[in-house]
C-alpha atoms as a PDB file:
ATOM      1  CA  MET A   1       6.050  12.676  16.967  1.00  0.00           C
ATOM      2  CA  LYS A   2       6.079   9.490  18.987  1.00  0.00           C
ATOM      3  CA  LYS A   3       4.032   6.473  18.105  1.00  0.00           C
ATOM      4  CA  PRO A   4       1.854   4.551  18.532  1.00  0.00           C
ATOM      5  CA  PHE A   5      -0.883   7.084  18.980  1.00  0.00           C
ATOM      6  CA  THR A   6      -4.146   6.756  20.839  1.00  0.00           C
ATOM      7  CA  PHE A   7      -7.426   7.286  19.045  1.00  0.00           C
ATOM      8  CA  ALA A   8      -8.038  10.402  21.132  1.00  0.00           C
ATOM      9  CA  GLN A   9      -4.761  11.844  19.829  1.00  0.00           C
ATOM     10  CA  VAL A  10      -5.590  10.991  16.227  1.00  0.00           C
ATOM     11  CA  ASN A  11      -8.996  12.650  16.538  1.00  0.00           C
ATOM     12  CA  SER A  12      -7.459  15.782  18.054  1.00  0.00           C
ATOM     13  CA  PHE A  13      -4.727  16.177  15.419  1.00  0.00           C
ATOM     14  CA  SER A  14      -4.609  19.333  13.352  1.00  0.00           C
ATOM     15  CA  ARG A  15      -4.962  18.741   9.637  1.00  0.00           C
ATOM     16  CA  GLU A  16      -1.176  19.023   9.298  1.00  0.00           C
ATOM     17  CA  ASP A  17      -0.473  16.477  12.062  1.00  0.00           C
ATOM     18  CA  PHE A  18      -3.168  14.103  10.777  1.00  0.00           C
ATOM     19  CA  VAL A  19      -1.629  14.157   7.294  1.00  0.00           C
ATOM     20  CA  CYS A  20       1.866  13.746   8.770  1.00  0.00           C
ATOM     21  CA  VAL A  21       0.865  10.660  10.805  1.00  0.00           C
ATOM     22  CA  ILE A  22      -1.893   9.051   8.728  1.00  0.00           C
ATOM     23  CA  GLY A  23      -0.704  10.155   5.274  1.00  0.00           C
ATOM     24  CA  PRO A  24       2.054   7.498   4.949  1.00  0.00           C
ATOM     25  CA  VAL A  25      -0.534   4.752   5.402  1.00  0.00           C
ATOM     26  CA  PHE A  26      -1.279   5.206   1.683  1.00  0.00           C
ATOM     27  CA  GLU A  27       2.097   5.053  -0.084  1.00  0.00           C
ATOM     28  CA  ASP A  28       3.324   8.559  -0.992  1.00  0.00           C
ATOM     29  CA  SER A  29      -0.291   9.725  -1.229  1.00  0.00           C
ATOM     30  CA  PRO A  30      -0.977  12.163   1.640  1.00  0.00           C
ATOM     31  CA  TRP A  31      -4.001  13.477  -0.261  1.00  0.00           C
ATOM     32  CA  VAL A  32      -6.013  10.515   1.070  1.00  0.00           C
ATOM     33  CA  ALA A  33      -5.491  11.554   4.703  1.00  0.00           C
ATOM     34  CA  GLU A  34      -5.930  15.240   3.885  1.00  0.00           C
ATOM     35  CA  ALA A  35      -9.287  14.624   2.216  1.00  0.00           C
ATOM     36  CA  THR A  36     -10.435  12.380   5.089  1.00  0.00           C
ATOM     37  CA  TRP A  37      -9.376  14.626   8.016  1.00  0.00           C
ATOM     38  CA  SER A  38     -12.637  16.585   8.083  1.00  0.00           C
ATOM     39  CA  GLY A  39     -14.576  13.386   8.869  1.00  0.00           C
ATOM     40  CA  ARG A  40     -13.202  13.299  12.418  1.00  0.00           C
ATOM     41  CA  PRO A  41     -13.893  12.188  15.044  1.00  0.00           C
ATOM     42  CA  PHE A  42     -13.538   8.523  14.147  1.00  0.00           C
ATOM     43  CA  LYS A  43     -14.877   6.006  16.636  1.00  0.00           C
ATOM     44  CA  SER A  44     -12.517   3.155  15.823  1.00  0.00           C
ATOM     45  CA  LEU A  45      -9.633   2.059  13.686  1.00  0.00           C
ATOM     46  CA  ASP A  46     -12.125   0.255  11.439  1.00  0.00           C
ATOM     47  CA  GLN A  47     -14.167   3.430  10.974  1.00  0.00           C
ATOM     48  CA  LEU A  48     -11.057   5.463  10.179  1.00  0.00           C
ATOM     49  CA  HIS A  49      -9.913   2.818   7.702  1.00  0.00           C
ATOM     50  CA  LYS A  50     -13.331   2.756   6.019  1.00  0.00           C
ATOM     51  CA  ALA A  51     -13.331   6.554   5.735  1.00  0.00           C
ATOM     52  CA  LEU A  52      -9.850   6.565   4.191  1.00  0.00           C
ATOM     53  CA  CYS A  53     -10.843   3.799   1.751  1.00  0.00           C
ATOM     54  CA  LYS A  54     -14.031   5.665   0.836  1.00  0.00           C
ATOM     55  CA  THR A  55     -11.892   8.691  -0.041  1.00  0.00           C
ATOM     56  CA  VAL A  56      -9.906   6.524  -2.449  1.00  0.00           C
ATOM     57  CA  GLN A  57     -13.014   4.797  -3.843  1.00  0.00           C
ATOM     58  CA  ASN A  58     -14.691   8.172  -4.475  1.00  0.00           C
ATOM     59  CA  SER A  59     -11.651   9.674  -6.173  1.00  0.00           C
ATOM     60  CA  SER A  60     -11.164   9.797  -9.928  1.00  0.00           C
ATOM     61  CA  GLU A  61      -9.664   6.838 -11.740  1.00  0.00           C
ATOM     62  CA  ASP A  62      -6.607   9.011 -12.499  1.00  0.00           C
ATOM     63  CA  LYS A  63      -6.039   9.595  -8.766  1.00  0.00           C
ATOM     64  CA  GLN A  64      -6.566   5.906  -8.058  1.00  0.00           C
ATOM     65  CA  ILE A  65      -3.995   4.965 -10.686  1.00  0.00           C
ATOM     66  CA  ASP A  66      -1.584   7.553  -9.249  1.00  0.00           C
ATOM     67  CA  LEU A  67      -2.031   5.846  -5.869  1.00  0.00           C
ATOM     68  CA  ILE A  68      -1.271   2.449  -7.398  1.00  0.00           C
ATOM     69  CA  ARG A  69       1.748   3.904  -9.206  1.00  0.00           C
ATOM     70  CA  ALA A  70       3.079   5.290  -5.912  1.00  0.00           C
ATOM     71  CA  HIS A  71       3.801   1.716  -4.776  1.00  0.00           C
ATOM     72  CA  PRO A  72       7.238   0.280  -5.414  1.00  0.00           C
ATOM     73  CA  ASP A  73       7.869  -2.821  -7.499  1.00  0.00           C
ATOM     74  CA  LEU A  74       8.323  -5.958  -5.432  1.00  0.00           C
ATOM     75  CA  VAL A  75      12.032  -6.807  -5.537  1.00  0.00           C
ATOM     76  CA  GLY A  76      12.461  -3.796  -7.821  1.00  0.00           C
ATOM     77  CA  ARG A  77      15.393  -1.418  -8.196  1.00  0.00           C
ATOM     78  CA  ALA A  78      14.492   0.560  -5.070  1.00  0.00           C
ATOM     79  CA  ALA A  79      14.217  -2.584  -2.968  1.00  0.00           C
ATOM     80  CA  LEU A  80      17.503  -3.994  -4.237  1.00  0.00           C
ATOM     81  CA  ALA A  81      19.216  -0.652  -3.603  1.00  0.00           C
ATOM     82  CA  GLY A  82      17.794  -0.392  -0.068  1.00  0.00           C
ATOM     83  CA  ALA A  83      15.912   2.771  -1.033  1.00  0.00           C
ATOM     84  CA  LEU A  84      12.356   1.824   0.022  1.00  0.00           C
ATOM     85  CA  ASN A  85      10.626   3.584   2.887  1.00  0.00           C
ATOM     86  CA  PRO A  86      10.824   1.651   6.200  1.00  0.00           C
ATOM     87  CA  ALA A  87       7.252   0.317   5.948  1.00  0.00           C
ATOM     88  CA  SER A  88       7.742  -1.078   2.435  1.00  0.00           C
ATOM     89  CA  THR A  89      11.110  -2.551   3.376  1.00  0.00           C
ATOM     90  CA  ALA A  90       9.603  -4.375   6.383  1.00  0.00           C
ATOM     91  CA  GLU A  91       6.590  -5.534   4.351  1.00  0.00           C
ATOM     92  CA  GLN A  92       8.706  -7.016   1.578  1.00  0.00           C
ATOM     93  CA  ALA A  93      11.005  -8.673   4.146  1.00  0.00           C
ATOM     94  CA  SER A  94       7.996 -10.214   5.921  1.00  0.00           C
ATOM     95  CA  ALA A  95       7.191 -12.053   2.703  1.00  0.00           C
ATOM     96  CA  GLY A  96      10.781 -13.263   2.414  1.00  0.00           C
ATOM     97  CA  LEU A  97      11.529 -11.038  -0.562  1.00  0.00           C
ATOM     98  CA  ASN A  98      14.806  -9.924   0.979  1.00  0.00           C
ATOM     99  CA  LYS A  99      16.167 -13.479   0.838  1.00  0.00           C
ATOM    100  CA  LEU A 100      15.744 -14.477  -2.787  1.00  0.00           C
ATOM    101  CA  THR A 101      18.126 -16.359  -5.025  1.00  0.00           C
ATOM    102  CA  GLU A 102      19.476 -14.645  -8.151  1.00  0.00           C
ATOM    103  CA  GLU A 103      17.051 -16.729 -10.219  1.00  0.00           C
ATOM    104  CA  GLU A 104      14.094 -15.617  -8.084  1.00  0.00           C
ATOM    105  CA  ILE A 105      15.145 -11.959  -8.393  1.00  0.00           C
ATOM    106  CA  VAL A 106      15.261 -12.334 -12.177  1.00  0.00           C
ATOM    107  CA  LEU A 107      11.809 -13.974 -12.133  1.00  0.00           C
ATOM    108  CA  PHE A 108      10.315 -11.165 -10.027  1.00  0.00           C
ATOM    109  CA  GLN A 109      11.836  -8.551 -12.332  1.00  0.00           C
ATOM    110  CA  LYS A 110      10.461 -10.366 -15.386  1.00  0.00           C
ATOM    111  CA  PHE A 111       6.969 -10.450 -13.850  1.00  0.00           C
ATOM    112  CA  ASN A 112       7.241  -6.802 -12.793  1.00  0.00           C
ATOM    113  CA  GLN A 113       8.079  -5.771 -16.363  1.00  0.00           C
ATOM    114  CA  SER A 114       5.338  -7.911 -17.926  1.00  0.00           C
ATOM    115  CA  TYR A 115       2.801  -6.549 -15.467  1.00  0.00           C
ATOM    116  CA  ARG A 116       3.823  -2.905 -15.990  1.00  0.00           C
ATOM    117  CA  ASP A 117       3.802  -3.384 -19.753  1.00  0.00           C
ATOM    118  CA  LYS A 118       0.256  -4.738 -19.646  1.00  0.00           C
ATOM    119  CA  PHE A 119      -1.347  -2.461 -17.031  1.00  0.00           C
ATOM    120  CA  GLY A 120       0.807   0.667 -16.832  1.00  0.00           C
ATOM    121  CA  PHE A 121       1.326   0.459 -13.081  1.00  0.00           C
ATOM    122  CA  PRO A 122       3.150  -1.793 -10.611  1.00  0.00           C
ATOM    123  CA  PHE A 123       1.851  -5.076  -9.255  1.00  0.00           C
ATOM    124  CA  VAL A 124       0.493  -4.393  -5.771  1.00  0.00           C
ATOM    125  CA  ILE A 125      -0.157  -7.147  -3.244  1.00  0.00           C
ATOM    126  CA  CYS A 126      -0.244  -7.059   0.525  1.00  0.00           C
ATOM    127  CA  ALA A 127       3.167  -8.653   1.092  1.00  0.00           C
ATOM    128  CA  ARG A 128       2.565  -8.968   4.842  1.00  0.00           C
ATOM    129  CA  LEU A 129      -0.284 -11.378   4.130  1.00  0.00           C
ATOM    130  CA  ASN A 130       1.644 -13.422   1.552  1.00  0.00           C
ATOM    131  CA  LYS A 131       4.906 -15.271   1.025  1.00  0.00           C
ATOM    132  CA  LYS A 132       7.033 -15.290  -2.122  1.00  0.00           C
ATOM    133  CA  GLU A 133       5.338 -18.372  -3.603  1.00  0.00           C
ATOM    134  CA  ALA A 134       1.877 -16.838  -3.244  1.00  0.00           C
ATOM    135  CA  ILE A 135       3.115 -13.557  -4.697  1.00  0.00           C
ATOM    136  CA  LEU A 136       4.598 -15.302  -7.731  1.00  0.00           C
ATOM    137  CA  LYS A 137       1.313 -17.172  -8.211  1.00  0.00           C
ATOM    138  CA  GLY A 138      -0.504 -13.849  -7.880  1.00  0.00           C
ATOM    139  CA  PHE A 139       1.566 -12.398 -10.728  1.00  0.00           C
ATOM    140  CA  GLU A 140       0.669 -15.377 -12.939  1.00  0.00           C
ATOM    141  CA  ASP A 141      -3.034 -15.221 -12.104  1.00  0.00           C
ATOM    142  CA  ARG A 142      -3.426 -11.459 -12.263  1.00  0.00           C
ATOM    143  CA  LEU A 143      -1.606 -11.045 -15.582  1.00  0.00           C
ATOM    144  CA  GLY A 144      -4.733 -12.651 -17.067  1.00  0.00           C
ATOM    145  CA  HIS A 145      -7.016  -9.926 -15.684  1.00  0.00           C
ATOM    146  CA  SER A 146      -8.466  -7.014 -17.582  1.00  0.00           C
ATOM    147  CA  ARG A 147      -7.073  -3.576 -16.707  1.00  0.00           C
ATOM    148  CA  LYS A 148     -10.371  -2.581 -15.064  1.00  0.00           C
ATOM    149  CA  ASN A 149     -10.363  -5.733 -12.918  1.00  0.00           C
ATOM    150  CA  GLU A 150      -6.712  -5.214 -12.035  1.00  0.00           C
ATOM    151  CA  ILE A 151      -7.275  -1.625 -10.884  1.00  0.00           C
ATOM    152  CA  LYS A 152      -9.990  -2.949  -8.585  1.00  0.00           C
ATOM    153  CA  THR A 153      -7.727  -5.760  -7.316  1.00  0.00           C
ATOM    154  CA  ALA A 154      -4.742  -3.442  -6.745  1.00  0.00           C
ATOM    155  CA  LEU A 155      -6.935  -0.999  -4.782  1.00  0.00           C
ATOM    156  CA  ALA A 156      -8.263  -3.851  -2.617  1.00  0.00           C
ATOM    157  CA  GLU A 157      -4.682  -4.876  -1.851  1.00  0.00           C
ATOM    158  CA  ILE A 158      -3.807  -1.255  -1.005  1.00  0.00           C
ATOM    159  CA  GLU A 159      -6.719  -1.229   1.444  1.00  0.00           C
ATOM    160  CA  LYS A 160      -5.239  -4.290   3.199  1.00  0.00           C
ATOM    161  CA  ILE A 161      -1.811  -2.639   3.332  1.00  0.00           C
ATOM    162  CA  ALA A 162      -3.337   0.531   4.763  1.00  0.00           C
ATOM    163  CA  TYR A 163      -5.219  -1.365   7.474  1.00  0.00           C
ATOM    164  CA  LEU A 164      -2.067  -3.086   8.676  1.00  0.00           C
ATOM    165  CA  ARG A 165      -0.144   0.178   8.621  1.00  0.00           C
ATOM    166  CA  LEU A 166      -2.889   1.857  10.677  1.00  0.00           C
ATOM    167  CA  GLN A 167      -2.610  -0.972  13.225  1.00  0.00           C
ATOM    168  CA  ASP A 168       1.104  -0.200  13.445  1.00  0.00           C
ATOM    169  CA  ILE A 169       0.588   3.444  14.362  1.00  0.00           C
ATOM    170  CA  ILE A 170      -2.628   3.500  16.409  1.00  0.00           C
ATOM    171  CA  GLU A 171      -3.044   1.770  19.760  1.00  0.00           C
ATOM    172  CA  SER A 172      -6.007  -0.571  19.779  1.00  0.00           C
END
């Protein structure tokens, strides 16, 4: 399928096409698009985004944590091996995470491990809206959060990521 798509096209998609196009907006979690498809037609990108986010918000905590866990570590093994999906690769590059020194890579990996050890899922931040310094500060700040607060924060960051990804695939 070509992209970007018009809103008329998105609203006319079969369930299968909707999940194929909108599903990747939420990292390796097509269930979000599948559960939201029946809410069509959507009047705007904002309305579609709100409906997708409501699906996540209304899902069980286990599903929410699975969604968080679907996100790759920043400067993690997959990123260093060039094995991220194209959207994640571009997002990490936009924050300058593809141009780190060896010391910075070690620091990111240390933070990733500390964060995973404490919360049981990866640190998620909207890389497109941040640079490496802000991300490192985010690690430091958020490691002080409770798990409940951090689930909420990670989901809010995922909503930002999803909105930007929707803008990439739907003509405004």
